[in-house]
Amino acid sequence: SAMPVSKYRPFVEVNPVDLPDRQWPTRRTTRAPRW
């Protein structure tokens, strides 16, 4: 496209988080949170 893509950077390059052993993908929601 002709859009100015070069103005923007991927977020993970701006403020990266290193969590290779993340646990949340295998968890399951079983109750409501506080709202």
PDB file of all heavy atoms in Angstrom:
ATOM      1  N   SER A   1       0.846  -1.191   0.000  1.00  0.00           N
ATOM      2  CA  SER A   1       0.000   0.000   0.000  1.00  0.00           C
ATOM      3  C   SER A   1       0.885   1.247   0.000  1.00  0.00           C
ATOM      4  O   SER A   1       2.109   1.169   0.150  1.00  0.00           O
ATOM      5  CB  SER A   1      -0.898   0.019   1.239  1.00  0.00           C
ATOM      6  OG  SER A   1      -0.136   0.355   2.392  1.00  0.00           O
ATOM      7  N   ALA A   2       0.232   2.383  -0.150  1.00  0.00           N
ATOM      8  CA  ALA A   2       0.957   3.657  -0.106  1.00  0.00           C
ATOM      9  C   ALA A   2       0.951   4.268   1.290  1.00  0.00           C
ATOM     10  O   ALA A   2       1.369   5.415   1.480  1.00  0.00           O
ATOM     11  CB  ALA A   2       0.321   4.636  -1.096  1.00  0.00           C
ATOM     12  N   MET A   3       0.515   3.501   2.282  1.00  0.00           N
ATOM     13  CA  MET A   3       0.415   4.042   3.639  1.00  0.00           C
ATOM     14  C   MET A   3       1.804   4.158   4.284  1.00  0.00           C
ATOM     15  O   MET A   3       2.705   3.363   3.979  1.00  0.00           O
ATOM     16  CB  MET A   3      -0.499   3.165   4.494  1.00  0.00           C
ATOM     17  CG  MET A   3      -1.925   3.095   3.962  1.00  0.00           C
ATOM     18  SD  MET A   3      -3.014   2.149   5.036  1.00  0.00           S
ATOM     19  CE  MET A   3      -3.115   3.262   6.455  1.00  0.00           C
ATOM     20  N   PRO A   4       2.008   5.139   5.192  1.00  0.00           N
ATOM     21  CA  PRO A   4       3.340   5.407   5.778  1.00  0.00           C
ATOM     22  C   PRO A   4       3.697   4.419   6.891  1.00  0.00           C
ATOM     23  O   PRO A   4       3.815   4.776   8.067  1.00  0.00           O
ATOM     24  CB  PRO A   4       3.190   6.827   6.319  1.00  0.00           C
ATOM     25  CG  PRO A   4       1.742   6.944   6.665  1.00  0.00           C
ATOM     26  CD  PRO A   4       1.009   6.136   5.631  1.00  0.00           C
ATOM     27  N   VAL A   5       3.883   3.171   6.522  1.00  0.00           N
ATOM     28  CA  VAL A   5       4.121   2.105   7.498  1.00  0.00           C
ATOM     29  C   VAL A   5       5.392   2.347   8.308  1.00  0.00           C
ATOM     30  O   VAL A   5       5.484   1.993   9.487  1.00  0.00           O
ATOM     31  CB  VAL A   5       4.189   0.742   6.777  1.00  0.00           C
ATOM     32  CG1 VAL A   5       4.465  -0.385   7.763  1.00  0.00           C
ATOM     33  CG2 VAL A   5       2.889   0.481   6.027  1.00  0.00           C
ATOM     34  N   SER A   6       6.379   2.978   7.704  1.00  0.00           N
ATOM     35  CA  SER A   6       7.677   3.150   8.374  1.00  0.00           C
ATOM     36  C   SER A   6       7.603   4.060   9.598  1.00  0.00           C
ATOM     37  O   SER A   6       8.547   4.103  10.398  1.00  0.00           O
ATOM     38  CB  SER A   6       8.703   3.708   7.386  1.00  0.00           C
ATOM     39  OG  SER A   6       8.281   4.971   6.890  1.00  0.00           O
ATOM     40  N   LYS A   7       6.491   4.785   9.783  1.00  0.00           N
ATOM     41  CA  LYS A   7       6.327   5.638  10.963  1.00  0.00           C
ATOM     42  C   LYS A   7       6.134   4.832  12.242  1.00  0.00           C
ATOM     43  O   LYS A   7       6.293   5.356  13.340  1.00  0.00           O
ATOM     44  CB  LYS A   7       5.095   6.543  10.790  1.00  0.00           C
ATOM     45  CG  LYS A   7       5.280   7.703   9.844  1.00  0.00           C
ATOM     46  CD  LYS A   7       3.970   8.438   9.602  1.00  0.00           C
ATOM     47  CE  LYS A   7       3.353   8.970  10.867  1.00  0.00           C
ATOM     48  NZ  LYS A   7       2.128   9.748  10.576  1.00  0.00           N
ATOM     49  N   TYR A   8       5.781   3.554  12.112  1.00  0.00           N
ATOM     50  CA  TYR A   8       5.350   2.773  13.264  1.00  0.00           C
ATOM     51  C   TYR A   8       6.317   1.632  13.555  1.00  0.00           C
ATOM     52  O   TYR A   8       6.965   1.106  12.649  1.00  0.00           O
ATOM     53  CB  TYR A   8       3.938   2.228  13.023  1.00  0.00           C
ATOM     54  CG  TYR A   8       2.943   3.340  12.760  1.00  0.00           C
ATOM     55  CD1 TYR A   8       2.654   3.746  11.450  1.00  0.00           C
ATOM     56  CD2 TYR A   8       2.333   4.008  13.809  1.00  0.00           C
ATOM     57  CE1 TYR A   8       1.767   4.781  11.209  1.00  0.00           C
ATOM     58  CE2 TYR A   8       1.453   5.052  13.569  1.00  0.00           C
ATOM     59  CZ  TYR A   8       1.175   5.438  12.261  1.00  0.00           C
ATOM     60  OH  TYR A   8       0.303   6.466  12.022  1.00  0.00           O
ATOM     61  N   ARG A   9       6.381   1.265  14.838  1.00  0.00           N
ATOM     62  CA  ARG A   9       7.229   0.156  15.264  1.00  0.00           C
ATOM     63  C   ARG A   9       6.393  -0.898  15.977  1.00  0.00           C
ATOM     64  O   ARG A   9       5.426  -0.555  16.661  1.00  0.00           O
ATOM     65  CB  ARG A   9       8.311   0.653  16.229  1.00  0.00           C
ATOM     66  CG  ARG A   9       9.391   1.501  15.600  1.00  0.00           C
ATOM     67  CD  ARG A   9      10.432   1.880  16.649  1.00  0.00           C
ATOM     68  NE  ARG A   9       9.845   2.751  17.685  1.00  0.00           N
ATOM     69  CZ  ARG A   9      10.428   3.003  18.859  1.00  0.00           C
ATOM     70  NH1 ARG A   9      11.573   2.422  19.169  1.00  0.00           N
ATOM     71  NH2 ARG A   9       9.860   3.810  19.726  1.00  0.00           N
ATOM     72  N   PRO A  10       6.765  -2.163  15.830  1.00  0.00           N
ATOM     73  CA  PRO A  10       6.056  -3.199  16.591  1.00  0.00           C
ATOM     74  C   PRO A  10       6.170  -2.928  18.088  1.00  0.00           C
ATOM     75  O   PRO A  10       7.234  -2.548  18.590  1.00  0.00           O
ATOM     76  CB  PRO A  10       6.782  -4.492  16.207  1.00  0.00           C
ATOM     77  CG  PRO A  10       7.433  -4.188  14.895  1.00  0.00           C
ATOM     78  CD  PRO A  10       7.804  -2.736  14.952  1.00  0.00           C
ATOM     79  N   PHE A  11       5.073  -3.142  18.808  1.00  0.00           N
ATOM     80  CA  PHE A  11       5.064  -2.843  20.238  1.00  0.00           C
ATOM     81  C   PHE A  11       6.132  -3.621  20.989  1.00  0.00           C
ATOM     82  O   PHE A  11       6.765  -3.089  21.917  1.00  0.00           O
ATOM     83  CB  PHE A  11       3.682  -3.163  20.821  1.00  0.00           C
ATOM     84  CG  PHE A  11       3.582  -2.901  22.296  1.00  0.00           C
ATOM     85  CD1 PHE A  11       3.352  -1.624  22.770  1.00  0.00           C
ATOM     86  CD2 PHE A  11       3.728  -3.926  23.212  1.00  0.00           C
ATOM     87  CE1 PHE A  11       3.267  -1.362  24.130  1.00  0.00           C
ATOM     88  CE2 PHE A  11       3.654  -3.692  24.574  1.00  0.00           C
ATOM     89  CZ  PHE A  11       3.412  -2.401  25.037  1.00  0.00           C
ATOM     90  N   VAL A  12       6.333  -4.876  20.617  1.00  0.00           N
ATOM     91  CA  VAL A  12       7.291  -5.699  21.366  1.00  0.00           C
ATOM     92  C   VAL A  12       8.728  -5.206  21.195  1.00  0.00           C
ATOM     93  O   VAL A  12       9.614  -5.616  21.940  1.00  0.00           O
ATOM     94  CB  VAL A  12       7.191  -7.180  20.952  1.00  0.00           C
ATOM     95  CG1 VAL A  12       5.878  -7.779  21.421  1.00  0.00           C
ATOM     96  CG2 VAL A  12       7.343  -7.342  19.444  1.00  0.00           C
ATOM     97  N   GLU A  13       8.973  -4.344  20.217  1.00  0.00           N
ATOM     98  CA  GLU A  13      10.291  -3.717  20.111  1.00  0.00           C
ATOM     99  C   GLU A  13      10.387  -2.464  20.968  1.00  0.00           C
ATOM    100  O   GLU A  13      11.476  -2.025  21.323  1.00  0.00           O
ATOM    101  CB  GLU A  13      10.591  -3.364  18.649  1.00  0.00           C
ATOM    102  CG  GLU A  13      10.740  -4.580  17.743  1.00  0.00           C
ATOM    103  CD  GLU A  13      11.027  -4.180  16.297  1.00  0.00           C
ATOM    104  OE1 GLU A  13      11.259  -2.971  16.052  1.00  0.00           O
ATOM    105  OE2 GLU A  13      10.984  -5.073  15.427  1.00  0.00           O
ATOM    106  N   VAL A  14       9.232  -1.882  21.295  1.00  0.00           N
ATOM    107  CA  VAL A  14       9.198  -0.669  22.109  1.00  0.00           C
ATOM    108  C   VAL A  14       9.264  -1.016  23.594  1.00  0.00           C
ATOM    109  O   VAL A  14      10.007  -0.411  24.358  1.00  0.00           O
ATOM    110  CB  VAL A  14       7.924   0.144  21.809  1.00  0.00           C
ATOM    111  CG1 VAL A  14       7.852   1.396  22.674  1.00  0.00           C
ATOM    112  CG2 VAL A  14       7.856   0.511  20.339  1.00  0.00           C
ATOM    113  N   ASN A  15       8.469  -1.995  24.013  1.00  0.00           N
ATOM    114  CA  ASN A  15       8.401  -2.364  25.429  1.00  0.00           C
ATOM    115  C   ASN A  15       8.273  -3.880  25.549  1.00  0.00           C
ATOM    116  O   ASN A  15       7.194  -4.416  25.793  1.00  0.00           O
ATOM    117  CB  ASN A  15       7.205  -1.673  26.092  1.00  0.00           C
ATOM    118  CG  ASN A  15       7.252  -1.768  27.611  1.00  0.00           C
ATOM    119  OD1 ASN A  15       8.319  -1.921  28.202  1.00  0.00           O
ATOM    120  ND2 ASN A  15       6.089  -1.668  28.246  1.00  0.00           N
ATOM    121  N   PRO A  16       9.369  -4.587  25.347  1.00  0.00           N
ATOM    122  CA  PRO A  16       9.310  -6.054  25.305  1.00  0.00           C
ATOM    123  C   PRO A  16       9.031  -6.667  26.675  1.00  0.00           C
ATOM    124  O   PRO A  16       9.330  -6.079  27.710  1.00  0.00           O
ATOM    125  CB  PRO A  16      10.697  -6.440  24.800  1.00  0.00           C
ATOM    126  CG  PRO A  16      11.581  -5.302  25.218  1.00  0.00           C
ATOM    127  CD  PRO A  16      10.737  -4.074  25.133  1.00  0.00           C
ATOM    128  N   VAL A  17       8.441  -7.875  26.658  1.00  0.00           N
ATOM    129  CA  VAL A  17       8.257  -8.657  27.872  1.00  0.00           C
ATOM    130  C   VAL A  17       8.811 -10.046  27.603  1.00  0.00           C
ATOM    131  O   VAL A  17       8.502 -10.669  26.588  1.00  0.00           O
ATOM    132  CB  VAL A  17       6.770  -8.708  28.296  1.00  0.00           C
ATOM    133  CG1 VAL A  17       5.881  -9.153  27.145  1.00  0.00           C
ATOM    134  CG2 VAL A  17       6.589  -9.633  29.492  1.00  0.00           C
ATOM    135  N   ASP A  18       9.644 -10.518  28.503  1.00  0.00           N
ATOM    136  CA  ASP A  18      10.301 -11.819  28.343  1.00  0.00           C
ATOM    137  C   ASP A  18       9.675 -12.807  29.314  1.00  0.00           C
ATOM    138  O   ASP A  18       9.909 -12.748  30.516  1.00  0.00           O
ATOM    139  CB  ASP A  18      11.803 -11.672  28.615  1.00  0.00           C
ATOM    140  CG  ASP A  18      12.550 -12.987  28.373  1.00  0.00           C
ATOM    141  OD1 ASP A  18      12.040 -13.820  27.602  1.00  0.00           O
ATOM    142  OD2 ASP A  18      13.640 -13.175  28.966  1.00  0.00           O
ATOM    143  N   LEU A  19       8.860 -13.719  28.797  1.00  0.00           N
ATOM    144  CA  LEU A  19       8.179 -14.684  29.649  1.00  0.00           C
ATOM    145  C   LEU A  19       8.060 -16.012  28.908  1.00  0.00           C
ATOM    146  O   LEU A  19       6.975 -16.456  28.539  1.00  0.00           O
ATOM    147  CB  LEU A  19       6.788 -14.149  30.032  1.00  0.00           C
ATOM    148  CG  LEU A  19       6.093 -14.813  31.220  1.00  0.00           C
ATOM    149  CD1 LEU A  19       6.798 -14.502  32.525  1.00  0.00           C
ATOM    150  CD2 LEU A  19       4.635 -14.377  31.279  1.00  0.00           C
ATOM    151  N   PRO A  20       9.182 -16.677  28.659  1.00  0.00           N
ATOM    152  CA  PRO A  20       9.146 -17.919  27.862  1.00  0.00           C
ATOM    153  C   PRO A  20       8.386 -19.060  28.530  1.00  0.00           C
ATOM    154  O   PRO A  20       7.892 -19.955  27.851  1.00  0.00           O
ATOM    155  CB  PRO A  20      10.623 -18.261  27.681  1.00  0.00           C
ATOM    156  CG  PRO A  20      11.318 -17.586  28.821  1.00  0.00           C
ATOM    157  CD  PRO A  20      10.557 -16.325  29.082  1.00  0.00           C
ATOM    158  N   ASP A  21       8.262 -19.023  29.867  1.00  0.00           N
ATOM    159  CA  ASP A  21       7.560 -20.105  30.566  1.00  0.00           C
ATOM    160  C   ASP A  21       6.164 -19.668  31.002  1.00  0.00           C
ATOM    161  O   ASP A  21       5.637 -20.104  32.020  1.00  0.00           O
ATOM    162  CB  ASP A  21       8.361 -20.558  31.786  1.00  0.00           C
ATOM    163  CG  ASP A  21       8.587 -19.429  32.787  1.00  0.00           C
ATOM    164  OD1 ASP A  21       8.501 -18.247  32.385  1.00  0.00           O
ATOM    165  OD2 ASP A  21       8.842 -19.733  33.969  1.00  0.00           O
ATOM    166  N   ARG A  22       5.542 -18.801  30.208  1.00  0.00           N
ATOM    167  CA  ARG A  22       4.191 -18.305  30.524  1.00  0.00           C
ATOM    168  C   ARG A  22       3.243 -19.465  30.804  1.00  0.00           C
ATOM    169  O   ARG A  22       3.277 -20.504  30.127  1.00  0.00           O
ATOM    170  CB  ARG A  22       3.660 -17.433  29.377  1.00  0.00           C
ATOM    171  CG  ARG A  22       3.584 -18.144  28.037  1.00  0.00           C
ATOM    172  CD  ARG A  22       3.141 -17.232  26.899  1.00  0.00           C
ATOM    173  NE  ARG A  22       4.030 -16.117  26.666  1.00  0.00           N
ATOM    174  CZ  ARG A  22       5.146 -16.176  25.923  1.00  0.00           C
ATOM    175  NH1 ARG A  22       5.502 -17.325  25.359  1.00  0.00           N
ATOM    176  NH2 ARG A  22       5.884 -15.110  25.744  1.00  0.00           N
ATOM    177  N   GLN A  23       2.370 -19.272  31.786  1.00  0.00           N
ATOM    178  CA  GLN A  23       1.435 -20.319  32.205  1.00  0.00           C
ATOM    179  C   GLN A  23      -0.004 -20.060  31.768  1.00  0.00           C
ATOM    180  O   GLN A  23      -0.823 -20.977  31.727  1.00  0.00           O
ATOM    181  CB  GLN A  23       1.462 -20.447  33.746  1.00  0.00           C
ATOM    182  CG  GLN A  23       2.836 -20.801  34.311  1.00  0.00           C
ATOM    183  CD  GLN A  23       3.323 -22.135  33.798  1.00  0.00           C
ATOM    184  OE1 GLN A  23       2.615 -23.142  33.920  1.00  0.00           O
ATOM    185  NE2 GLN A  23       4.516 -22.159  33.231  1.00  0.00           N
ATOM    186  N   TRP A  24      -0.337 -18.803  31.445  1.00  0.00           N
ATOM    187  CA  TRP A  24      -1.740 -18.476  31.181  1.00  0.00           C
ATOM    188  C   TRP A  24      -2.367 -19.233  30.001  1.00  0.00           C
ATOM    189  O   TRP A  24      -3.586 -19.497  30.035  1.00  0.00           O
ATOM    190  CB  TRP A  24      -1.922 -16.959  31.008  1.00  0.00           C
ATOM    191  CG  TRP A  24      -1.192 -16.326  29.850  1.00  0.00           C
ATOM    192  CD1 TRP A  24      -0.017 -15.654  29.878  1.00  0.00           C
ATOM    193  CD2 TRP A  24      -1.624 -16.295  28.482  1.00  0.00           C
ATOM    194  NE1 TRP A  24       0.338 -15.202  28.635  1.00  0.00           N
ATOM    195  CE2 TRP A  24      -0.635 -15.588  27.756  1.00  0.00           C
ATOM    196  CE3 TRP A  24      -2.722 -16.796  27.799  1.00  0.00           C
ATOM    197  CZ2 TRP A  24      -0.733 -15.373  26.382  1.00  0.00           C
ATOM    198  CZ3 TRP A  24      -2.831 -16.581  26.430  1.00  0.00           C
ATOM    199  CH2 TRP A  24      -1.840 -15.876  25.738  1.00  0.00           C
ATOM    200  N   PRO A  25      -1.614 -19.627  28.941  1.00  0.00           N
ATOM    201  CA  PRO A  25      -2.299 -20.302  27.825  1.00  0.00           C
ATOM    202  C   PRO A  25      -2.957 -21.632  28.197  1.00  0.00           C
ATOM    203  O   PRO A  25      -3.890 -22.080  27.518  1.00  0.00           O
ATOM    204  CB  PRO A  25      -1.181 -20.513  26.795  1.00  0.00           C
ATOM    205  CG  PRO A  25      -0.174 -19.442  27.098  1.00  0.00           C
ATOM    206  CD  PRO A  25      -0.196 -19.348  28.591  1.00  0.00           C
ATOM    207  N   THR A  26      -2.482 -22.289  29.259  1.00  0.00           N
ATOM    208  CA  THR A  26      -3.049 -23.593  29.627  1.00  0.00           C
ATOM    209  C   THR A  26      -4.045 -23.491  30.769  1.00  0.00           C
ATOM    210  O   THR A  26      -4.587 -24.502  31.204  1.00  0.00           O
ATOM    211  CB  THR A  26      -1.922 -24.563  30.033  1.00  0.00           C
ATOM    212  OG1 THR A  26      -1.189 -24.013  31.138  1.00  0.00           O
ATOM    213  CG2 THR A  26      -0.973 -24.796  28.872  1.00  0.00           C
ATOM    214  N   ARG A  27      -4.298 -22.273  31.263  1.00  0.00           N
ATOM    215  CA  ARG A  27      -5.249 -22.113  32.359  1.00  0.00           C
ATOM    216  C   ARG A  27      -6.678 -21.992  31.813  1.00  0.00           C
ATOM    217  O   ARG A  27      -6.884 -21.734  30.641  1.00  0.00           O
ATOM    218  CB  ARG A  27      -4.900 -20.882  33.196  1.00  0.00           C
ATOM    219  CG  ARG A  27      -3.596 -21.038  33.976  1.00  0.00           C
ATOM    220  CD  ARG A  27      -3.250 -19.774  34.722  1.00  0.00           C
ATOM    221  NE  ARG A  27      -1.963 -19.893  35.400  1.00  0.00           N
ATOM    222  CZ  ARG A  27      -1.201 -18.867  35.750  1.00  0.00           C
ATOM    223  NH1 ARG A  27      -1.611 -17.629  35.483  1.00  0.00           N
ATOM    224  NH2 ARG A  27      -0.060 -19.058  36.363  1.00  0.00           N
ATOM    225  N   ARG A  28      -7.621 -22.115  32.714  1.00  0.00           N
ATOM    226  CA  ARG A  28      -9.036 -22.083  32.350  1.00  0.00           C
ATOM    227  C   ARG A  28      -9.793 -21.223  33.347  1.00  0.00           C
ATOM    228  O   ARG A  28      -9.578 -21.326  34.556  1.00  0.00           O
ATOM    229  CB  ARG A  28      -9.591 -23.510  32.358  1.00  0.00           C
ATOM    230  CG  ARG A  28     -11.075 -23.617  32.091  1.00  0.00           C
ATOM    231  CD  ARG A  28     -11.504 -25.074  32.163  1.00  0.00           C
ATOM    232  NE  ARG A  28     -12.954 -25.212  32.157  1.00  0.00           N
ATOM    233  CZ  ARG A  28     -13.597 -26.337  32.380  1.00  0.00           C
ATOM    234  NH1 ARG A  28     -12.894 -27.446  32.624  1.00  0.00           N
ATOM    235  NH2 ARG A  28     -14.912 -26.384  32.364  1.00  0.00           N
ATOM    236  N   THR A  29     -10.668 -20.365  32.847  1.00  0.00           N
ATOM    237  CA  THR A  29     -11.488 -19.538  33.722  1.00  0.00           C
ATOM    238  C   THR A  29     -12.633 -20.375  34.289  1.00  0.00           C
ATOM    239  O   THR A  29     -13.360 -21.041  33.544  1.00  0.00           O
ATOM    240  CB  THR A  29     -12.071 -18.343  32.952  1.00  0.00           C
ATOM    241  OG1 THR A  29     -10.994 -17.531  32.472  1.00  0.00           O
ATOM    242  CG2 THR A  29     -12.966 -17.489  33.839  1.00  0.00           C
ATOM    243  N   THR A  30     -12.795 -20.347  35.607  1.00  0.00           N
ATOM    244  CA  THR A  30     -13.823 -21.149  36.260  1.00  0.00           C
ATOM    245  C   THR A  30     -14.774 -20.320  37.110  1.00  0.00           C
ATOM    246  O   THR A  30     -15.778 -20.835  37.598  1.00  0.00           O
ATOM    247  CB  THR A  30     -13.189 -22.223  37.159  1.00  0.00           C
ATOM    248  OG1 THR A  30     -12.337 -21.584  38.123  1.00  0.00           O
ATOM    249  CG2 THR A  30     -12.367 -23.202  36.318  1.00  0.00           C
ATOM    250  N   ARG A  31     -14.465 -19.042  37.319  1.00  0.00           N
ATOM    251  CA  ARG A  31     -15.344 -18.193  38.125  1.00  0.00           C
ATOM    252  C   ARG A  31     -15.224 -16.749  37.665  1.00  0.00           C
ATOM    253  O   ARG A  31     -14.255 -16.375  36.992  1.00  0.00           O
ATOM    254  CB  ARG A  31     -14.992 -18.301  39.614  1.00  0.00           C
ATOM    255  CG  ARG A  31     -13.581 -17.874  39.960  1.00  0.00           C
ATOM    256  CD  ARG A  31     -13.277 -18.110  41.434  1.00  0.00           C
ATOM    257  NE  ARG A  31     -11.892 -17.795  41.760  1.00  0.00           N
ATOM    258  CZ  ARG A  31     -11.454 -16.582  42.090  1.00  0.00           C
ATOM    259  NH1 ARG A  31     -12.313 -15.569  42.136  1.00  0.00           N
ATOM    260  NH2 ARG A  31     -10.186 -16.377  42.381  1.00  0.00           N
ATOM    261  N   ALA A  32     -16.211 -15.963  38.034  1.00  0.00           N
ATOM    262  CA  ALA A  32     -16.218 -14.550  37.645  1.00  0.00           C
ATOM    263  C   ALA A  32     -15.187 -13.774  38.454  1.00  0.00           C
ATOM    264  O   ALA A  32     -14.926 -14.098  39.612  1.00  0.00           O
ATOM    265  CB  ALA A  32     -17.596 -13.954  37.872  1.00  0.00           C
ATOM    266  N   PRO A  33     -14.602 -12.741  37.859  1.00  0.00           N
ATOM    267  CA  PRO A  33     -13.707 -11.859  38.621  1.00  0.00           C
ATOM    268  C   PRO A  33     -14.527 -10.885  39.456  1.00  0.00           C
ATOM    269  O   PRO A  33     -15.766 -10.853  39.382  1.00  0.00           O
ATOM    270  CB  PRO A  33     -12.957 -11.121  37.518  1.00  0.00           C
ATOM    271  CG  PRO A  33     -13.966 -11.003  36.417  1.00  0.00           C
ATOM    272  CD  PRO A  33     -14.757 -12.293  36.465  1.00  0.00           C
ATOM    273  N   ARG A  34     -13.853 -10.078  40.238  1.00  0.00           N
ATOM    274  CA  ARG A  34     -14.480  -8.893  40.796  1.00  0.00           C
ATOM    275  C   ARG A  34     -14.672  -7.884  39.660  1.00  0.00           C
ATOM    276  O   ARG A  34     -13.831  -7.758  38.785  1.00  0.00           O
ATOM    277  CB  ARG A  34     -13.599  -8.278  41.888  1.00  0.00           C
ATOM    278  CG  ARG A  34     -13.618  -9.046  43.175  1.00  0.00           C
ATOM    279  CD  ARG A  34     -12.538  -8.617  44.137  1.00  0.00           C
ATOM    280  NE  ARG A  34     -12.467  -7.187  44.401  1.00  0.00           N
ATOM    281  CZ  ARG A  34     -11.611  -6.633  45.262  1.00  0.00           C
ATOM    282  NH1 ARG A  34     -10.767  -7.408  45.942  1.00  0.00           N
ATOM    283  NH2 ARG A  34     -11.591  -5.327  45.437  1.00  0.00           N
ATOM    284  N   TRP A  35     -15.816  -7.215  39.681  1.00  0.00           N
ATOM    285  CA  TRP A  35     -16.105  -6.228  38.653  1.00  0.00           C
ATOM    286  C   TRP A  35     -16.112  -4.832  39.261  1.00  0.00           C
ATOM    287  O   TRP A  35     -16.606  -4.637  40.372  1.00  0.00           O
ATOM    288  CB  TRP A  35     -17.488  -6.453  38.042  1.00  0.00           C
ATOM    289  CG  TRP A  35     -17.788  -7.807  37.483  1.00  0.00           C
ATOM    290  CD1 TRP A  35     -18.620  -8.741  38.015  1.00  0.00           C
ATOM    291  CD2 TRP A  35     -17.287  -8.370  36.260  1.00  0.00           C
ATOM    292  NE1 TRP A  35     -18.675  -9.855  37.205  1.00  0.00           N
ATOM    293  CE2 TRP A  35     -17.864  -9.652  36.126  1.00  0.00           C
ATOM    294  CE3 TRP A  35     -16.410  -7.914  35.278  1.00  0.00           C
ATOM    295  CZ2 TRP A  35     -17.599 -10.486  35.034  1.00  0.00           C
ATOM    296  CZ3 TRP A  35     -16.143  -8.742  34.202  1.00  0.00           C
ATOM    297  CH2 TRP A  35     -16.732 -10.008  34.080  1.00  0.00           C
TER     298      TRP A  35
END
